[in-house]
Amino acid sequence: MLNPDSVGRTFHGAKPVSVTQSEISAFAEVIGESDFSVAPPTFSIRLTLEQSQAILSDPEVGLDWSRVVHGDQKFEIHRPIVAGDVFVTSATIESHKVLAGNEIVTVRSDLHSTGDLVLSSWSTLVVRA
């Protein structure tokens, strides 16, 4: 069960993450995009997933990662991600509730570049009972 004290906590990435044109092109090609000038919105998951998994796997947080299934995803984009961007990542456990014995956890991941918020994404995870 998720430790209730984890809700509201923000965790910051240990090091900046750089984006290359080859990463954008490869990702865009795989999902069928033909415009390689900007990253598709879902590319941001590639940058934030490791951070989210790290915080949710922390024993102090108390989430059983082996029982997690993805429930929903949404994005708020302030500007497109482009090659050459360098991001500082953070992840915040925004909410937690129990429904029919399942835990519902929402994590917001933010990408900042030179102090500006570029993108936020919200992942809703279901921890099966």
C-alpha atoms as a PDB file:
ATOM      1  CA  MET A   1       0.000   0.000   0.000  1.00  0.00           C
ATOM      2  CA  LEU A   2       1.267   3.458  -0.869  1.00  0.00           C
ATOM      3  CA  ASN A   3       2.585   5.365   2.118  1.00  0.00           C
ATOM      4  CA  PRO A   4       0.128   8.284   2.539  1.00  0.00           C
ATOM      5  CA  ASP A   5       3.052  10.544   3.499  1.00  0.00           C
ATOM      6  CA  SER A   6       4.310  10.169  -0.097  1.00  0.00           C
ATOM      7  CA  VAL A   7       1.369  12.109  -1.542  1.00  0.00           C
ATOM      8  CA  GLY A   8       2.479  15.641  -2.378  1.00  0.00           C
ATOM      9  CA  ARG A   9       6.184  14.812  -2.367  1.00  0.00           C
ATOM     10  CA  THR A  10       8.283  15.956  -5.312  1.00  0.00           C
ATOM     11  CA  PHE A  11      11.381  14.086  -6.390  1.00  0.00           C
ATOM     12  CA  HIS A  12      14.014  15.690  -8.624  1.00  0.00           C
ATOM     13  CA  GLY A  13      16.122  13.950 -11.256  1.00  0.00           C
ATOM     14  CA  ALA A  14      19.770  13.524 -10.350  1.00  0.00           C
ATOM     15  CA  LYS A  15      21.184  14.844 -13.618  1.00  0.00           C
ATOM     16  CA  PRO A  16      20.072  16.870 -16.640  1.00  0.00           C
ATOM     17  CA  VAL A  17      18.718  14.959 -19.633  1.00  0.00           C
ATOM     18  CA  SER A  18      19.762  16.008 -23.169  1.00  0.00           C
ATOM     19  CA  VAL A  19      17.672  15.428 -26.300  1.00  0.00           C
ATOM     20  CA  THR A  20      19.288  14.601 -29.636  1.00  0.00           C
ATOM     21  CA  GLN A  21      17.877  14.791 -33.131  1.00  0.00           C
ATOM     22  CA  SER A  22      18.556  11.098 -33.665  1.00  0.00           C
ATOM     23  CA  GLU A  23      16.438  10.245 -30.590  1.00  0.00           C
ATOM     24  CA  ILE A  24      13.548  12.382 -31.854  1.00  0.00           C
ATOM     25  CA  SER A  25      13.798  10.959 -35.384  1.00  0.00           C
ATOM     26  CA  ALA A  26      13.926   7.347 -34.206  1.00  0.00           C
ATOM     27  CA  PHE A  27      10.955   7.800 -31.866  1.00  0.00           C
ATOM     28  CA  ALA A  28       8.889   9.668 -34.461  1.00  0.00           C
ATOM     29  CA  GLU A  29       9.609   7.049 -37.099  1.00  0.00           C
ATOM     30  CA  VAL A  30       8.522   4.183 -34.839  1.00  0.00           C
ATOM     31  CA  ILE A  31       5.123   5.771 -34.171  1.00  0.00           C
ATOM     32  CA  GLY A  32       4.595   6.738 -37.821  1.00  0.00           C
ATOM     33  CA  GLU A  33       5.262  10.473 -37.589  1.00  0.00           C
ATOM     34  CA  SER A  34       6.809  12.118 -40.640  1.00  0.00           C
ATOM     35  CA  ASP A  35       7.731  15.459 -39.033  1.00  0.00           C
ATOM     36  CA  PHE A  36      11.047  15.032 -37.238  1.00  0.00           C
ATOM     37  CA  SER A  37      11.507  18.756 -36.464  1.00  0.00           C
ATOM     38  CA  VAL A  38       9.860  18.444 -33.031  1.00  0.00           C
ATOM     39  CA  ALA A  39       9.347  15.495 -30.723  1.00  0.00           C
ATOM     40  CA  PRO A  40       5.893  13.928 -30.553  1.00  0.00           C
ATOM     41  CA  PRO A  41       4.232  14.622 -27.164  1.00  0.00           C
ATOM     42  CA  THR A  42       4.605  11.009 -26.059  1.00  0.00           C
ATOM     43  CA  PHE A  43       8.398  11.326 -26.461  1.00  0.00           C
ATOM     44  CA  SER A  44       8.412  13.026 -23.052  1.00  0.00           C
ATOM     45  CA  ILE A  45       7.602   9.685 -21.412  1.00  0.00           C
ATOM     46  CA  ARG A  46      10.995   8.479 -22.599  1.00  0.00           C
ATOM     47  CA  LEU A  47      12.555  11.271 -20.533  1.00  0.00           C
ATOM     48  CA  THR A  48      10.404  10.993 -17.401  1.00  0.00           C
ATOM     49  CA  LEU A  49       9.632   7.282 -17.034  1.00  0.00           C
ATOM     50  CA  GLU A  50      12.899   6.383 -15.326  1.00  0.00           C
ATOM     51  CA  GLN A  51      12.366   9.129 -12.728  1.00  0.00           C
ATOM     52  CA  SER A  52       8.774   8.047 -12.039  1.00  0.00           C
ATOM     53  CA  GLN A  53       9.738   4.393 -11.716  1.00  0.00           C
ATOM     54  CA  ALA A  54      12.606   5.262  -9.377  1.00  0.00           C
ATOM     55  CA  ILE A  55      10.406   7.188  -6.943  1.00  0.00           C
ATOM     56  CA  LEU A  56       7.580   4.692  -7.046  1.00  0.00           C
ATOM     57  CA  SER A  57       9.997   1.803  -6.456  1.00  0.00           C
ATOM     58  CA  ASP A  58      11.460   3.444  -3.343  1.00  0.00           C
ATOM     59  CA  PRO A  59      10.595   1.200  -0.352  1.00  0.00           C
ATOM     60  CA  GLU A  60       9.600   4.307   1.651  1.00  0.00           C
ATOM     61  CA  VAL A  61       6.870   5.070  -0.907  1.00  0.00           C
ATOM     62  CA  GLY A  62       5.475   1.574  -0.462  1.00  0.00           C
ATOM     63  CA  LEU A  63       4.055   0.958  -3.936  1.00  0.00           C
ATOM     64  CA  ASP A  64       4.044  -2.640  -5.190  1.00  0.00           C
ATOM     65  CA  TRP A  65       5.396  -1.975  -8.702  1.00  0.00           C
ATOM     66  CA  SER A  66       4.788  -5.607  -9.731  1.00  0.00           C
ATOM     67  CA  ARG A  67       1.031  -4.990  -9.498  1.00  0.00           C
ATOM     68  CA  VAL A  68       0.936  -1.698 -11.422  1.00  0.00           C
ATOM     69  CA  VAL A  69      -0.971  -1.268 -14.674  1.00  0.00           C
ATOM     70  CA  HIS A  70      -1.192   1.971 -16.633  1.00  0.00           C
ATOM     71  CA  GLY A  71      -4.591   3.640 -16.385  1.00  0.00           C
ATOM     72  CA  ASP A  72      -4.371   6.993 -18.160  1.00  0.00           C
ATOM     73  CA  GLN A  73      -1.970   9.616 -19.515  1.00  0.00           C
ATOM     74  CA  LYS A  74      -2.376  13.312 -20.276  1.00  0.00           C
ATOM     75  CA  PHE A  75      -0.050  16.122 -21.301  1.00  0.00           C
ATOM     76  CA  GLU A  76       0.187  19.890 -20.925  1.00  0.00           C
ATOM     77  CA  ILE A  77       2.654  21.214 -23.478  1.00  0.00           C
ATOM     78  CA  HIS A  78       4.023  24.750 -23.135  1.00  0.00           C
ATOM     79  CA  ARG A  79       6.336  24.378 -26.125  1.00  0.00           C
ATOM     80  CA  PRO A  80       7.512  21.486 -28.283  1.00  0.00           C
ATOM     81  CA  ILE A  81      10.560  19.427 -27.359  1.00  0.00           C
ATOM     82  CA  VAL A  82      13.354  19.950 -29.885  1.00  0.00           C
ATOM     83  CA  ALA A  83      16.854  18.606 -30.447  1.00  0.00           C
ATOM     84  CA  GLY A  84      19.373  20.325 -28.202  1.00  0.00           C
ATOM     85  CA  ASP A  85      16.969  20.719 -25.274  1.00  0.00           C
ATOM     86  CA  VAL A  86      18.456  19.929 -21.884  1.00  0.00           C
ATOM     87  CA  PHE A  87      15.912  19.133 -19.188  1.00  0.00           C
ATOM     88  CA  VAL A  88      15.797  18.875 -15.450  1.00  0.00           C
ATOM     89  CA  THR A  89      13.090  16.407 -14.479  1.00  0.00           C
ATOM     90  CA  SER A  90      10.865  16.143 -11.453  1.00  0.00           C
ATOM     91  CA  ALA A  91       8.013  13.879 -10.453  1.00  0.00           C
ATOM     92  CA  THR A  92       5.303  14.544  -7.886  1.00  0.00           C
ATOM     93  CA  ILE A  93       2.905  12.020  -6.411  1.00  0.00           C
ATOM     94  CA  GLU A  94      -0.251  14.128  -6.713  1.00  0.00           C
ATOM     95  CA  SER A  95      -2.989  11.826  -5.484  1.00  0.00           C
ATOM     96  CA  HIS A  96      -3.840   8.432  -4.091  1.00  0.00           C
ATOM     97  CA  LYS A  97      -7.162   6.731  -3.474  1.00  0.00           C
ATOM     98  CA  VAL A  98      -8.490   3.230  -3.015  1.00  0.00           C
ATOM     99  CA  LEU A  99     -11.409   2.008  -5.142  1.00  0.00           C
ATOM    100  CA  ALA A 100     -12.755  -1.545  -4.911  1.00  0.00           C
ATOM    101  CA  GLY A 101      -9.519  -2.591  -3.228  1.00  0.00           C
ATOM    102  CA  ASN A 102      -7.341  -1.172  -6.027  1.00  0.00           C
ATOM    103  CA  GLU A 103      -5.042   1.784  -5.429  1.00  0.00           C
ATOM    104  CA  ILE A 104      -5.230   4.660  -7.925  1.00  0.00           C
ATOM    105  CA  VAL A 105      -2.073   6.806  -7.972  1.00  0.00           C
ATOM    106  CA  THR A 106      -1.512   9.917 -10.075  1.00  0.00           C
ATOM    107  CA  VAL A 107       2.042  11.084 -10.737  1.00  0.00           C
ATOM    108  CA  ARG A 108       2.867  14.402 -12.445  1.00  0.00           C
ATOM    109  CA  SER A 109       6.187  14.587 -14.262  1.00  0.00           C
ATOM    110  CA  ASP A 110       7.625  17.969 -15.241  1.00  0.00           C
ATOM    111  CA  LEU A 111      10.352  18.891 -17.721  1.00  0.00           C
ATOM    112  CA  HIS A 112      12.126  22.201 -17.118  1.00  0.00           C
ATOM    113  CA  SER A 113      14.634  23.825 -19.454  1.00  0.00           C
ATOM    114  CA  THR A 114      16.609  26.888 -18.329  1.00  0.00           C
ATOM    115  CA  GLY A 115      14.120  27.344 -15.514  1.00  0.00           C
ATOM    116  CA  ASP A 116      11.023  27.286 -17.739  1.00  0.00           C
ATOM    117  CA  LEU A 117       8.373  24.588 -17.537  1.00  0.00           C
ATOM    118  CA  VAL A 118       8.236  22.995 -20.993  1.00  0.00           C
ATOM    119  CA  LEU A 119       5.912  20.057 -20.410  1.00  0.00           C
ATOM    120  CA  SER A 120       3.921  18.334 -17.697  1.00  0.00           C
ATOM    121  CA  SER A 121       2.489  14.858 -18.004  1.00  0.00           C
ATOM    122  CA  TRP A 122       0.187  12.995 -15.669  1.00  0.00           C
ATOM    123  CA  SER A 123       0.217   9.219 -15.361  1.00  0.00           C
ATOM    124  CA  THR A 124      -2.626   7.500 -13.578  1.00  0.00           C
ATOM    125  CA  LEU A 125      -1.543   4.097 -12.333  1.00  0.00           C
ATOM    126  CA  VAL A 126      -3.700   1.306 -10.953  1.00  0.00           C
ATOM    127  CA  VAL A 127      -2.180  -0.979  -8.348  1.00  0.00           C
ATOM    128  CA  ARG A 128      -4.258  -4.145  -8.607  1.00  0.00           C
ATOM    129  CA  ALA A 129      -5.612  -5.611  -5.380  1.00  0.00           C
END
